[in-house]
C-alpha atoms as a PDB file:
ATOM      1  CA  MET A   1      82.876  86.425 149.085  1.00  0.00           C
ATOM      2  CA  SER A   2      82.266  88.958 146.315  1.00  0.00           C
ATOM      3  CA  GLU A   3      81.058  87.726 142.943  1.00  0.00           C
ATOM      4  CA  ARG A   4      83.944  87.380 140.516  1.00  0.00           C
ATOM      5  CA  VAL A   5      83.432  89.185 137.200  1.00  0.00           C
ATOM      6  CA  PHE A   6      85.873  89.258 134.308  1.00  0.00           C
ATOM      7  CA  VAL A   7      85.778  92.435 132.239  1.00  0.00           C
ATOM      8  CA  ALA A   8      86.817  92.263 128.590  1.00  0.00           C
ATOM      9  CA  MET A   9      89.082  95.317 128.449  1.00  0.00           C
ATOM     10  CA  SER A  10      89.854  96.513 124.934  1.00  0.00           C
ATOM     11  CA  GLY A  11      92.061  99.390 125.998  1.00  0.00           C
ATOM     12  CA  GLY A  12      89.282 101.857 125.227  1.00  0.00           C
ATOM     13  CA  VAL A  13      87.397 104.123 127.569  1.00  0.00           C
ATOM     14  CA  ASP A  14      84.074 102.220 127.543  1.00  0.00           C
ATOM     15  CA  SER A  15      85.371  98.886 128.839  1.00  0.00           C
ATOM     16  CA  SER A  16      87.664 100.647 131.319  1.00  0.00           C
ATOM     17  CA  VAL A  17      84.728 102.550 132.776  1.00  0.00           C
ATOM     18  CA  ALA A  18      82.764  99.299 132.919  1.00  0.00           C
ATOM     19  CA  ALA A  19      85.532  97.780 135.035  1.00  0.00           C
ATOM     20  CA  ALA A  20      85.648 100.853 137.285  1.00  0.00           C
ATOM     21  CA  ILE A  21      81.887 100.821 137.856  1.00  0.00           C
ATOM     22  CA  LEU A  22      81.856  97.147 138.811  1.00  0.00           C
ATOM     23  CA  ALA A  23      84.840  97.537 141.133  1.00  0.00           C
ATOM     24  CA  GLU A  24      83.072 100.441 142.843  1.00  0.00           C
ATOM     25  CA  ARG A  25      79.980  98.269 143.267  1.00  0.00           C
ATOM     26  CA  GLY A  26      82.011  95.726 145.173  1.00  0.00           C
ATOM     27  CA  TYR A  27      82.489  92.995 142.592  1.00  0.00           C
ATOM     28  CA  ASP A  28      85.691  90.966 142.496  1.00  0.00           C
ATOM     29  CA  VAL A  29      86.785  92.422 139.153  1.00  0.00           C
ATOM     30  CA  VAL A  30      89.438  90.904 136.913  1.00  0.00           C
ATOM     31  CA  GLY A  31      90.487  92.543 133.668  1.00  0.00           C
ATOM     32  CA  VAL A  32      91.176  90.468 130.574  1.00  0.00           C
ATOM     33  CA  TRP A  33      92.530  91.564 127.218  1.00  0.00           C
ATOM     34  CA  MET A  34      92.295  89.444 124.070  1.00  0.00           C
ATOM     35  CA  ARG A  35      95.300  89.153 121.770  1.00  0.00           C
ATOM     36  CA  LEU A  36      93.730  88.771 118.347  1.00  0.00           C
ATOM     37  CA  VAL A  37      96.699  88.420 115.989  1.00  0.00           C
ATOM     38  CA  ASP A  38      99.991  86.523 116.049  1.00  0.00           C
ATOM     39  CA  ALA A  39     101.964  89.268 114.299  1.00  0.00           C
ATOM     40  CA  PRO A  40     101.142  92.900 115.197  1.00  0.00           C
ATOM     41  CA  ALA A  41     102.337  94.061 111.781  1.00  0.00           C
ATOM     42  CA  ALA A  42     100.035  91.704 109.852  1.00  0.00           C
ATOM     43  CA  ALA A  43      97.790  93.200 107.189  1.00  0.00           C
ATOM     44  CA  ASP A  44      94.689  92.151 109.138  1.00  0.00           C
ATOM     45  CA  ALA A  45      95.987  93.159 112.569  1.00  0.00           C
ATOM     46  CA  PRO A  46      93.191  94.950 114.473  1.00  0.00           C
ATOM     47  CA  ARG A  47      93.886  98.670 114.813  1.00  0.00           C
ATOM     48  CA  CYS A  48      91.960  98.963 118.071  1.00  0.00           C
ATOM     49  CA  CYS A  49      91.342  96.296 120.707  1.00  0.00           C
ATOM     50  CA  GLY A  50      93.762  93.629 119.475  1.00  0.00           C
ATOM     51  CA  THR A  51      97.016  95.551 119.117  1.00  0.00           C
ATOM     52  CA  ASP A  52      99.873  95.477 121.615  1.00  0.00           C
ATOM     53  CA  GLU A  53      99.305  99.208 122.130  1.00  0.00           C
ATOM     54  CA  ALA A  54      95.664  98.538 123.064  1.00  0.00           C
ATOM     55  CA  GLY A  55      96.771  95.762 125.372  1.00  0.00           C
ATOM     56  CA  GLU A  56      99.117  98.140 127.135  1.00  0.00           C
ATOM     57  CA  ASP A  57      96.312 100.716 127.480  1.00  0.00           C
ATOM     58  CA  ALA A  58      94.110  98.017 129.027  1.00  0.00           C
ATOM     59  CA  ARG A  59      96.889  96.929 131.383  1.00  0.00           C
ATOM     60  CA  ARG A  60      97.478 100.522 132.547  1.00  0.00           C
ATOM     61  CA  ALA A  61      93.752 101.035 133.181  1.00  0.00           C
ATOM     62  CA  ALA A  62      93.599  97.801 135.207  1.00  0.00           C
ATOM     63  CA  ALA A  63      96.687  98.793 137.190  1.00  0.00           C
ATOM     64  CA  HIS A  64      95.147 102.193 137.924  1.00  0.00           C
ATOM     65  CA  LEU A  65      92.012 100.456 139.235  1.00  0.00           C
ATOM     66  CA  GLY A  66      94.079  97.986 141.245  1.00  0.00           C
ATOM     67  CA  ILE A  67      92.498  94.909 139.683  1.00  0.00           C
ATOM     68  CA  PRO A  68      94.200  91.717 138.413  1.00  0.00           C
ATOM     69  CA  PHE A  69      94.799  91.592 134.677  1.00  0.00           C
ATOM     70  CA  TYR A  70      95.252  88.759 132.183  1.00  0.00           C
ATOM     71  CA  SER A  71      96.209  88.704 128.524  1.00  0.00           C
ATOM     72  CA  LEU A  72      94.674  85.758 126.644  1.00  0.00           C
ATOM     73  CA  ASP A  73      95.482  84.630 123.110  1.00  0.00           C
ATOM     74  CA  TYR A  74      92.523  84.329 120.745  1.00  0.00           C
ATOM     75  CA  ALA A  75      94.378  84.892 117.470  1.00  0.00           C
ATOM     76  CA  ASP A  76      93.262  81.570 115.965  1.00  0.00           C
ATOM     77  CA  VAL A  77      89.653  82.076 117.025  1.00  0.00           C
ATOM     78  CA  PHE A  78      89.610  85.623 115.641  1.00  0.00           C
ATOM     79  CA  ARG A  79      91.160  84.547 112.342  1.00  0.00           C
ATOM     80  CA  ARG A  80      88.739  81.670 111.813  1.00  0.00           C
ATOM     81  CA  GLY A  81      85.610  83.249 113.242  1.00  0.00           C
ATOM     82  CA  VAL A  82      85.982  86.812 111.985  1.00  0.00           C
ATOM     83  CA  VAL A  83      88.657  87.462 109.341  1.00  0.00           C
ATOM     84  CA  ASP A  84      88.212  84.246 107.331  1.00  0.00           C
ATOM     85  CA  ARG A  85      84.437  84.640 107.414  1.00  0.00           C
ATOM     86  CA  PHE A  86      84.770  88.267 106.305  1.00  0.00           C
ATOM     87  CA  VAL A  87      86.932  87.348 103.321  1.00  0.00           C
ATOM     88  CA  SER A  88      84.793  84.337 102.364  1.00  0.00           C
ATOM     89  CA  ALA A  89      81.595  86.378 102.493  1.00  0.00           C
ATOM     90  CA  TYR A  90      82.882  89.048 100.096  1.00  0.00           C
ATOM     91  CA  ALA A  91      84.371  86.390  97.812  1.00  0.00           C
ATOM     92  CA  HIS A  92      80.937  84.759  97.602  1.00  0.00           C
ATOM     93  CA  GLY A  93      78.955  87.911  96.914  1.00  0.00           C
ATOM     94  CA  ALA A  94      77.797  88.661 100.473  1.00  0.00           C
ATOM     95  CA  THR A  95      78.386  91.663 102.737  1.00  0.00           C
ATOM     96  CA  PRO A  96      79.409  90.504 106.235  1.00  0.00           C
ATOM     97  CA  ASN A  97      79.109  92.216 109.587  1.00  0.00           C
ATOM     98  CA  PRO A  98      82.400  91.524 111.423  1.00  0.00           C
ATOM     99  CA  CYS A  99      81.182  92.990 114.730  1.00  0.00           C
ATOM    100  CA  VAL A 100      78.388  90.412 114.840  1.00  0.00           C
ATOM    101  CA  ALA A 101      80.884  87.631 114.061  1.00  0.00           C
ATOM    102  CA  CYS A 102      83.321  88.831 116.740  1.00  0.00           C
ATOM    103  CA  ASN A 103      80.626  88.956 119.398  1.00  0.00           C
ATOM    104  CA  ALA A 104      79.287  85.532 118.422  1.00  0.00           C
ATOM    105  CA  HIS A 105      82.525  83.596 118.036  1.00  0.00           C
ATOM    106  CA  VAL A 106      85.122  85.438 120.130  1.00  0.00           C
ATOM    107  CA  LYS A 107      83.653  87.438 123.018  1.00  0.00           C
ATOM    108  CA  PHE A 108      80.522  85.499 123.900  1.00  0.00           C
ATOM    109  CA  GLU A 109      81.631  82.027 122.882  1.00  0.00           C
ATOM    110  CA  ALA A 110      85.369  81.548 123.371  1.00  0.00           C
ATOM    111  CA  LEU A 111      86.041  84.218 126.020  1.00  0.00           C
ATOM    112  CA  LEU A 112      82.861  83.705 128.035  1.00  0.00           C
ATOM    113  CA  ARG A 113      83.437  79.933 128.050  1.00  0.00           C
ATOM    114  CA  ASP A 114      87.040  80.290 129.196  1.00  0.00           C
ATOM    115  CA  VAL A 115      86.565  82.811 131.993  1.00  0.00           C
ATOM    116  CA  ILE A 116      83.846  80.642 133.505  1.00  0.00           C
ATOM    117  CA  ALA A 117      85.401  77.198 132.965  1.00  0.00           C
ATOM    118  CA  LYS A 118      89.070  78.056 133.463  1.00  0.00           C
ATOM    119  CA  PHE A 119      89.065  81.032 135.822  1.00  0.00           C
ATOM    120  CA  GLY A 120      85.972  80.477 137.940  1.00  0.00           C
ATOM    121  CA  ALA A 121      84.240  83.725 137.036  1.00  0.00           C
ATOM    122  CA  ARG A 122      80.490  84.029 137.502  1.00  0.00           C
ATOM    123  CA  ARG A 123      80.019  86.557 134.709  1.00  0.00           C
ATOM    124  CA  LEU A 124      81.668  88.412 131.846  1.00  0.00           C
ATOM    125  CA  ALA A 125      81.251  92.176 131.486  1.00  0.00           C
ATOM    126  CA  THR A 126      81.983  94.268 128.402  1.00  0.00           C
ATOM    127  CA  GLY A 127      81.851  97.903 127.389  1.00  0.00           C
ATOM    128  CA  HIS A 128      78.915  97.422 125.021  1.00  0.00           C
ATOM    129  CA  TYR A 129      76.109  99.956 125.034  1.00  0.00           C
ATOM    130  CA  ALA A 130      73.184  97.630 125.747  1.00  0.00           C
ATOM    131  CA  ARG A 131      71.182  96.457 128.757  1.00  0.00           C
ATOM    132  CA  VAL A 132      70.252  93.093 130.272  1.00  0.00           C
ATOM    133  CA  ARG A 133      67.349  92.616 132.650  1.00  0.00           C
ATOM    134  CA  GLN A 134      65.702  89.631 134.307  1.00  0.00           C
ATOM    135  CA  ASP A 135      61.931  89.486 134.467  1.00  0.00           C
ATOM    136  CA  ASP A 136      59.411  86.625 134.781  1.00  0.00           C
ATOM    137  CA  GLY A 137      62.266  84.155 135.145  1.00  0.00           C
ATOM    138  CA  ARG A 138      63.763  85.147 131.803  1.00  0.00           C
ATOM    139  CA  TRP A 139      66.658  87.349 130.691  1.00  0.00           C
ATOM    140  CA  HIS A 140      65.932  90.229 128.322  1.00  0.00           C
ATOM    141  CA  LEU A 141      68.341  92.074 125.995  1.00  0.00           C
ATOM    142  CA  LEU A 142      67.442  95.748 125.659  1.00  0.00           C
ATOM    143  CA  ARG A 143      68.658  98.761 123.745  1.00  0.00           C
ATOM    144  CA  ALA A 144      71.042 101.118 125.531  1.00  0.00           C
ATOM    145  CA  ARG A 145      69.703 104.311 127.079  1.00  0.00           C
ATOM    146  CA  ASP A 146      71.826 106.271 124.610  1.00  0.00           C
ATOM    147  CA  ALA A 147      70.202 105.574 121.232  1.00  0.00           C
ATOM    148  CA  ALA A 148      73.148 107.151 119.413  1.00  0.00           C
ATOM    149  CA  LYS A 149      75.536 104.578 120.925  1.00  0.00           C
ATOM    150  CA  ASP A 150      73.231 101.565 121.110  1.00  0.00           C
ATOM    151  CA  GLN A 151      74.981  98.306 120.156  1.00  0.00           C
ATOM    152  CA  SER A 152      72.177  95.814 120.764  1.00  0.00           C
ATOM    153  CA  TYR A 153      71.981  95.170 117.000  1.00  0.00           C
ATOM    154  CA  ALA A 154      75.338  93.372 117.121  1.00  0.00           C
ATOM    155  CA  LEU A 155      74.342  91.272 120.156  1.00  0.00           C
ATOM    156  CA  TYR A 156      71.156  89.637 118.895  1.00  0.00           C
ATOM    157  CA  MET A 157      72.718  86.139 118.948  1.00  0.00           C
ATOM    158  CA  LEU A 158      72.937  86.072 122.758  1.00  0.00           C
ATOM    159  CA  GLY A 159      70.656  83.475 124.307  1.00  0.00           C
ATOM    160  CA  GLN A 160      69.508  82.877 127.883  1.00  0.00           C
ATOM    161  CA  ARG A 161      72.774  81.234 128.930  1.00  0.00           C
ATOM    162  CA  GLU A 162      74.879  84.142 127.658  1.00  0.00           C
ATOM    163  CA  LEU A 163      72.548  86.880 128.898  1.00  0.00           C
ATOM    164  CA  GLY A 164      72.458  85.353 132.366  1.00  0.00           C
ATOM    165  CA  ARG A 165      76.261  85.460 132.486  1.00  0.00           C
ATOM    166  CA  THR A 166      76.728  88.944 130.988  1.00  0.00           C
ATOM    167  CA  LEU A 167      76.909  92.466 132.385  1.00  0.00           C
ATOM    168  CA  PHE A 168      76.792  95.710 130.391  1.00  0.00           C
ATOM    169  CA  PRO A 169      77.564  98.368 133.038  1.00  0.00           C
ATOM    170  CA  ILE A 170      77.545 101.375 130.710  1.00  0.00           C
ATOM    171  CA  GLY A 171      74.281 100.535 128.954  1.00  0.00           C
ATOM    172  CA  GLU A 172      72.433 102.793 131.384  1.00  0.00           C
ATOM    173  CA  MET A 173      74.526 105.848 130.467  1.00  0.00           C
ATOM    174  CA  ALA A 174      72.462 108.672 129.009  1.00  0.00           C
ATOM    175  CA  ALA A 175      75.225 109.713 126.609  1.00  0.00           C
ATOM    176  CA  LYS A 176      78.837 109.013 125.662  1.00  0.00           C
ATOM    177  CA  GLU A 177      79.768 112.272 127.378  1.00  0.00           C
ATOM    178  CA  GLU A 178      78.653 110.737 130.672  1.00  0.00           C
ATOM    179  CA  THR A 179      81.013 107.818 130.118  1.00  0.00           C
ATOM    180  CA  ARG A 180      83.873 110.220 129.384  1.00  0.00           C
ATOM    181  CA  ALA A 181      83.063 112.239 132.481  1.00  0.00           C
ATOM    182  CA  LEU A 182      83.127 109.103 134.621  1.00  0.00           C
ATOM    183  CA  ALA A 183      86.462 108.117 133.094  1.00  0.00           C
ATOM    184  CA  MET A 184      87.863 111.473 134.140  1.00  0.00           C
ATOM    185  CA  THR A 185      86.365 111.115 137.612  1.00  0.00           C
ATOM    186  CA  TYR A 186      88.002 107.700 138.022  1.00  0.00           C
ATOM    187  CA  GLY A 187      91.254 109.180 136.723  1.00  0.00           C
ATOM    188  CA  LEU A 188      91.587 106.535 134.025  1.00  0.00           C
ATOM    189  CA  PRO A 189      94.736 106.969 131.925  1.00  0.00           C
ATOM    190  CA  ASN A 190      92.781 106.379 128.690  1.00  0.00           C
ATOM    191  CA  ALA A 191      89.923 108.762 129.496  1.00  0.00           C
ATOM    192  CA  ARG A 192      90.576 110.873 126.394  1.00  0.00           C
ATOM    193  CA  LYS A 193      91.366 108.028 124.020  1.00  0.00           C
ATOM    194  CA  ALA A 194      89.690 108.317 120.619  1.00  0.00           C
ATOM    195  CA  GLU A 195      87.072 105.777 119.551  1.00  0.00           C
ATOM    196  CA  SER A 196      88.096 102.813 117.425  1.00  0.00           C
ATOM    197  CA  MET A 197      87.286 102.140 113.775  1.00  0.00           C
ATOM    198  CA  ASP A 198      84.248 100.127 112.687  1.00  0.00           C
ATOM    199  CA  ILE A 199      86.220  97.337 110.993  1.00  0.00           C
ATOM    200  CA  CYS A 200      89.150  97.041 113.334  1.00  0.00           C
ATOM    201  CA  PHE A 201      91.252  94.676 111.199  1.00  0.00           C
ATOM    202  CA  VAL A 202      90.977  96.651 107.932  1.00  0.00           C
ATOM    203  CA  PRO A 203      93.379  99.615 108.016  1.00  0.00           C
ATOM    204  CA  GLY A 204      92.437 100.827 104.530  1.00  0.00           C
ATOM    205  CA  ASP A 205      90.264  99.500 101.721  1.00  0.00           C
ATOM    206  CA  HIS A 206      88.673  96.165 102.659  1.00  0.00           C
ATOM    207  CA  ARG A 207      89.004  95.061  99.016  1.00  0.00           C
ATOM    208  CA  ASP A 208      92.787  94.922  99.374  1.00  0.00           C
ATOM    209  CA  LEU A 209      92.430  92.391 102.188  1.00  0.00           C
ATOM    210  CA  VAL A 210      89.909  90.305 100.250  1.00  0.00           C
ATOM    211  CA  ARG A 211      92.016  90.448  97.064  1.00  0.00           C
ATOM    212  CA  GLY A 212      95.085  89.222  98.934  1.00  0.00           C
ATOM    213  CA  ARG A 213      93.215  86.277 100.467  1.00  0.00           C
ATOM    214  CA  ALA A 214      90.797  85.425  97.629  1.00  0.00           C
ATOM    215  CA  PRO A 215      92.268  86.610  94.305  1.00  0.00           C
ATOM    216  CA  GLU A 216      89.826  84.392  92.413  1.00  0.00           C
ATOM    217  CA  ALA A 217      87.059  86.811  93.421  1.00  0.00           C
ATOM    218  CA  PHE A 218      88.689  89.581  91.399  1.00  0.00           C
ATOM    219  CA  VAL A 219      88.322  88.169  87.914  1.00  0.00           C
ATOM    220  CA  PRO A 220      86.622  90.796  85.685  1.00  0.00           C
ATOM    221  CA  GLY A 221      83.145  90.006  84.404  1.00  0.00           C
ATOM    222  CA  PRO A 222      80.106  91.552  82.723  1.00  0.00           C
ATOM    223  CA  ILE A 223      77.786  94.145  84.188  1.00  0.00           C
ATOM    224  CA  GLU A 224      74.250  93.514  83.005  1.00  0.00           C
ATOM    225  CA  ARG A 225      70.784  94.958  83.279  1.00  0.00           C
ATOM    226  CA  ALA A 226      67.976  92.680  84.416  1.00  0.00           C
ATOM    227  CA  ASP A 227      67.065  91.957  80.776  1.00  0.00           C
ATOM    228  CA  GLY A 228      70.545  90.519  80.126  1.00  0.00           C
ATOM    229  CA  SER A 229      71.958  93.449  78.160  1.00  0.00           C
ATOM    230  CA  VAL A 230      75.652  94.062  78.914  1.00  0.00           C
ATOM    231  CA  ILE A 231      76.512  97.664  79.793  1.00  0.00           C
ATOM    232  CA  GLY A 232      80.031  97.375  81.192  1.00  0.00           C
ATOM    233  CA  ARG A 233      82.685  95.313  82.982  1.00  0.00           C
ATOM    234  CA  HIS A 234      83.350  94.957  86.682  1.00  0.00           C
ATOM    235  CA  ALA A 235      86.724  94.296  88.340  1.00  0.00           C
ATOM    236  CA  GLY A 236      85.571  91.291  90.387  1.00  0.00           C
ATOM    237  CA  VAL A 237      82.613  90.333  92.588  1.00  0.00           C
ATOM    238  CA  GLY A 238      84.900  90.471  95.645  1.00  0.00           C
ATOM    239  CA  GLY A 239      84.879  94.251  95.362  1.00  0.00           C
ATOM    240  CA  LEU A 240      81.118  94.633  94.956  1.00  0.00           C
ATOM    241  CA  THR A 241      78.157  94.498  97.293  1.00  0.00           C
ATOM    242  CA  VAL A 242      74.424  94.462  96.689  1.00  0.00           C
ATOM    243  CA  GLY A 243      73.110  98.015  96.805  1.00  0.00           C
ATOM    244  CA  GLN A 244      76.434  99.560  95.791  1.00  0.00           C
ATOM    245  CA  ARG A 245      76.152 102.513  93.421  1.00  0.00           C
ATOM    246  CA  ARG A 246      79.598 104.095  93.123  1.00  0.00           C
ATOM    247  CA  GLY A 247      82.599 102.353  91.591  1.00  0.00           C
ATOM    248  CA  VAL A 248      80.626  99.564  89.945  1.00  0.00           C
ATOM    249  CA  GLY A 249      82.136 100.116  86.497  1.00  0.00           C
ATOM    250  CA  ALA A 250      79.083 100.998  84.429  1.00  0.00           C
ATOM    251  CA  ALA A 251      78.325 104.391  82.912  1.00  0.00           C
ATOM    252  CA  ALA A 252      74.649 105.160  82.344  1.00  0.00           C
ATOM    253  CA  GLY A 253      72.315 108.084  82.199  1.00  0.00           C
ATOM    254  CA  GLU A 254      70.630 107.065  85.455  1.00  0.00           C
ATOM    255  CA  ARG A 255      71.719 105.961  88.911  1.00  0.00           C
ATOM    256  CA  LEU A 256      72.255 102.217  88.918  1.00  0.00           C
ATOM    257  CA  TYR A 257      72.787  99.956  91.893  1.00  0.00           C
ATOM    258  CA  VAL A 258      74.079  96.405  92.160  1.00  0.00           C
ATOM    259  CA  LEU A 259      70.909  94.318  92.167  1.00  0.00           C
ATOM    260  CA  ARG A 260      72.525  90.901  92.580  1.00  0.00           C
ATOM    261  CA  LEU A 261      75.781  89.039  91.965  1.00  0.00           C
ATOM    262  CA  ASP A 262      75.594  85.941  89.778  1.00  0.00           C
ATOM    263  CA  LEU A 263      78.606  83.935  90.921  1.00  0.00           C
ATOM    264  CA  GLU A 264      78.147  81.116  88.411  1.00  0.00           C
ATOM    265  CA  ARG A 265      78.514  83.537  85.512  1.00  0.00           C
ATOM    266  CA  ASN A 266      80.698  86.038  87.383  1.00  0.00           C
ATOM    267  CA  ALA A 267      78.185  88.714  86.428  1.00  0.00           C
ATOM    268  CA  ALA A 268      76.937  91.778  88.288  1.00  0.00           C
ATOM    269  CA  VAL A 269      73.302  92.642  87.591  1.00  0.00           C
ATOM    270  CA  VAL A 270      72.439  96.304  88.112  1.00  0.00           C
ATOM    271  CA  GLY A 271      69.176  98.190  88.269  1.00  0.00           C
ATOM    272  CA  THR A 272      67.404 101.260  89.547  1.00  0.00           C
ATOM    273  CA  ARG A 273      66.677 102.034  93.189  1.00  0.00           C
ATOM    274  CA  GLU A 274      63.161 100.695  92.715  1.00  0.00           C
ATOM    275  CA  GLU A 275      64.511  97.423  91.336  1.00  0.00           C
ATOM    276  CA  VAL A 276      67.038  96.863  94.131  1.00  0.00           C
ATOM    277  CA  THR A 277      64.687  97.418  97.080  1.00  0.00           C
ATOM    278  CA  THR A 278      62.149  94.830  98.145  1.00  0.00           C
ATOM    279  CA  ARG A 279      59.890  93.903 101.036  1.00  0.00           C
ATOM    280  CA  MET A 280      60.798  90.226 101.368  1.00  0.00           C
ATOM    281  CA  TYR A 281      64.054  88.547 102.367  1.00  0.00           C
ATOM    282  CA  ALA A 282      65.068  84.971 103.123  1.00  0.00           C
ATOM    283  CA  LEU A 283      66.864  84.580 106.463  1.00  0.00           C
ATOM    284  CA  ASP A 284      69.425  82.026 107.631  1.00  0.00           C
ATOM    285  CA  GLU A 285      70.909  81.266 111.066  1.00  0.00           C
ATOM    286  CA  LEU A 286      67.840  82.544 112.896  1.00  0.00           C
ATOM    287  CA  CYS A 287      68.175  82.648 116.663  1.00  0.00           C
ATOM    288  CA  PHE A 288      66.124  84.092 119.485  1.00  0.00           C
ATOM    289  CA  THR A 289      67.154  85.513 122.845  1.00  0.00           C
ATOM    290  CA  ARG A 290      64.678  83.378 124.748  1.00  0.00           C
ATOM    291  CA  GLY A 291      65.773  80.233 122.906  1.00  0.00           C
ATOM    292  CA  GLU A 292      62.789  79.908 120.610  1.00  0.00           C
ATOM    293  CA  ALA A 293      60.658  82.016 118.303  1.00  0.00           C
ATOM    294  CA  PRO A 294      57.594  83.737 119.805  1.00  0.00           C
ATOM    295  CA  ALA A 295      55.524  81.802 117.247  1.00  0.00           C
ATOM    296  CA  ALA A 296      55.862  80.166 113.854  1.00  0.00           C
ATOM    297  CA  ARG A 297      54.643  83.471 112.421  1.00  0.00           C
ATOM    298  CA  PHE A 298      54.740  86.721 114.342  1.00  0.00           C
ATOM    299  CA  ALA A 299      54.791  90.498 113.968  1.00  0.00           C
ATOM    300  CA  SER A 300      57.807  92.532 114.997  1.00  0.00           C
ATOM    301  CA  THR A 301      60.036  95.379 113.890  1.00  0.00           C
ATOM    302  CA  ALA A 302      63.320  94.770 112.095  1.00  0.00           C
ATOM    303  CA  ALA A 303      66.533  96.789 111.987  1.00  0.00           C
ATOM    304  CA  VAL A 304      68.287  95.858 108.749  1.00  0.00           C
ATOM    305  CA  ARG A 305      71.400  97.934 109.379  1.00  0.00           C
ATOM    306  CA  TYR A 306      73.451  99.040 112.371  1.00  0.00           C
ATOM    307  CA  ARG A 307      71.488 101.702 114.284  1.00  0.00           C
ATOM    308  CA  GLY A 308      68.926 101.698 111.497  1.00  0.00           C
ATOM    309  CA  THR A 309      65.338 102.758 112.080  1.00  0.00           C
ATOM    310  CA  PRO A 310      63.242  99.633 112.766  1.00  0.00           C
ATOM    311  CA  ILE A 311      60.683  98.746 110.103  1.00  0.00           C
ATOM    312  CA  ARG A 312      57.415  97.002 110.919  1.00  0.00           C
ATOM    313  CA  CYS A 313      57.561  93.424 109.710  1.00  0.00           C
ATOM    314  CA  GLU A 314      56.229  89.902 109.865  1.00  0.00           C
ATOM    315  CA  VAL A 315      58.510  86.914 110.321  1.00  0.00           C
ATOM    316  CA  GLU A 316      57.766  83.339 109.285  1.00  0.00           C
ATOM    317  CA  VAL A 317      60.043  80.808 110.996  1.00  0.00           C
ATOM    318  CA  ASP A 318      61.076  77.352 109.784  1.00  0.00           C
ATOM    319  CA  GLY A 319      63.796  76.070 112.113  1.00  0.00           C
ATOM    320  CA  GLU A 320      66.900  78.228 111.659  1.00  0.00           C
ATOM    321  CA  ARG A 321      65.523  79.665 108.419  1.00  0.00           C
ATOM    322  CA  GLY A 322      62.756  82.130 107.831  1.00  0.00           C
ATOM    323  CA  VAL A 323      61.140  84.760 105.665  1.00  0.00           C
ATOM    324  CA  LEU A 324      61.134  88.453 106.585  1.00  0.00           C
ATOM    325  CA  ARG A 325      58.259  90.518 105.204  1.00  0.00           C
ATOM    326  CA  LEU A 326      58.797  94.238 105.670  1.00  0.00           C
ATOM    327  CA  ALA A 327      56.005  96.799 105.744  1.00  0.00           C
ATOM    328  CA  GLU A 328      58.021  98.987 103.371  1.00  0.00           C
ATOM    329  CA  PRO A 329      60.754  98.285 100.805  1.00  0.00           C
ATOM    330  CA  ALA A 330      64.361  98.311 102.000  1.00  0.00           C
ATOM    331  CA  LEU A 331      67.766  97.721 100.481  1.00  0.00           C
ATOM    332  CA  VAL A 332      69.548  94.894 102.330  1.00  0.00           C
ATOM    333  CA  ALA A 333      72.627  93.042 101.099  1.00  0.00           C
ATOM    334  CA  PRO A 334      72.987  89.282 101.591  1.00  0.00           C
ATOM    335  CA  GLY A 335      75.199  88.632 104.620  1.00  0.00           C
ATOM    336  CA  GLN A 336      73.821  91.509 106.652  1.00  0.00           C
ATOM    337  CA  ALA A 337      71.954  91.000 109.923  1.00  0.00           C
ATOM    338  CA  ALA A 338      68.228  91.551 110.277  1.00  0.00           C
ATOM    339  CA  VAL A 339      67.597  92.126 113.983  1.00  0.00           C
ATOM    340  CA  LEU A 340      64.107  91.802 115.428  1.00  0.00           C
ATOM    341  CA  TYR A 341      62.792  94.073 118.184  1.00  0.00           C
ATOM    342  CA  ASP A 342      59.734  94.405 120.361  1.00  0.00           C
ATOM    343  CA  GLY A 343      60.034  98.020 121.407  1.00  0.00           C
ATOM    344  CA  ASP A 344      63.430  98.297 123.094  1.00  0.00           C
ATOM    345  CA  GLU A 345      63.826  94.547 123.509  1.00  0.00           C
ATOM    346  CA  VAL A 346      65.815  92.394 121.101  1.00  0.00           C
ATOM    347  CA  ILE A 347      63.802  89.299 120.170  1.00  0.00           C
ATOM    348  CA  GLY A 348      66.486  87.778 117.975  1.00  0.00           C
ATOM    349  CA  GLY A 349      67.642  87.955 114.394  1.00  0.00           C
ATOM    350  CA  GLY A 350      69.280  86.234 111.485  1.00  0.00           C
ATOM    351  CA  THR A 351      71.458  86.638 108.423  1.00  0.00           C
ATOM    352  CA  VAL A 352      69.916  87.809 105.171  1.00  0.00           C
ATOM    353  CA  ARG A 353      70.443  85.116 102.520  1.00  0.00           C
ATOM    354  CA  GLN A 354      68.759  86.729  99.554  1.00  0.00           C
ATOM    355  CA  ALA A 355      66.004  89.040  98.421  1.00  0.00           C
ATOM    356  CA  LEU A 356      62.722  87.425  97.426  1.00  0.00           C
ATOM    357  CA  ALA A 357      60.146  88.520  94.904  1.00  0.00           C
ATOM    358  CA  ALA A 358      57.259  90.198  96.725  1.00  0.00           C
END
């Protein structure tokens, strides 16, 4: 009997090609689409993978491939694990990464658990651009062949259990054009479909969503320099992020960036580029792909933004917390992911809690 694999089909070309590749390889492929909102017209309704239109695109692709297809409801999980976290982070002065949250709480927790426990699948496949390999009795998460499309940064939370149950069929593609060409070869009905937006559930300005859910984060307050001098007023910490330069609300003769957000005083502290960048950051929610840190203190490289150039670093680990020491200053907002690499391999990562004095 062929190995049963569920493919998370978003309605886009990448996941559809992933399903086609696995079917061609002889797997028992089943397509599954995740409904992510109760009301399609809701303000936070995803504009890509979670809409009814996307679901229909996924269904048509599955029908074209001749594979079974299920639609599963994860609206509550998506709301709690992604949207609510997104709003809460901005309301508390942090800058979240919703793709990381969706992978952690929806795709590789709820969906992976269900397809294995409820449907008897052996593995879950997705259209992510990343690679998984087994070597020395351990699973390794690697960057995609196509550096321009690599999505390993948003998958750093996957451990041995998840990696051993996951397939990324398009991670070996040399370029997105190759994926498109395969889609055309397979005759997929969505072969020419445009790519989705980065924040799928924010159709416009993310501040409108946060304001509607957390109006208390939009109380005006002072804008200060590091010495305490007031130079302006901001419209609410929910609309600001560390490192932001434009739209802060302060006029000065030099470029000023948000240095930190003081929630107790509802104040935004601004400074120069030199003041806002640092080499040291405190990390929370540290996790490692092999289940444990390489050592209590180890050298690595860190990507501090999506598809960012890795910076040489040293990491000191204390349980799920740690300190990241970069070889060169960088501007990283609290709430963002710092992902650790050894060459092309993802070691793990964590969430930036705050900048530390070097």
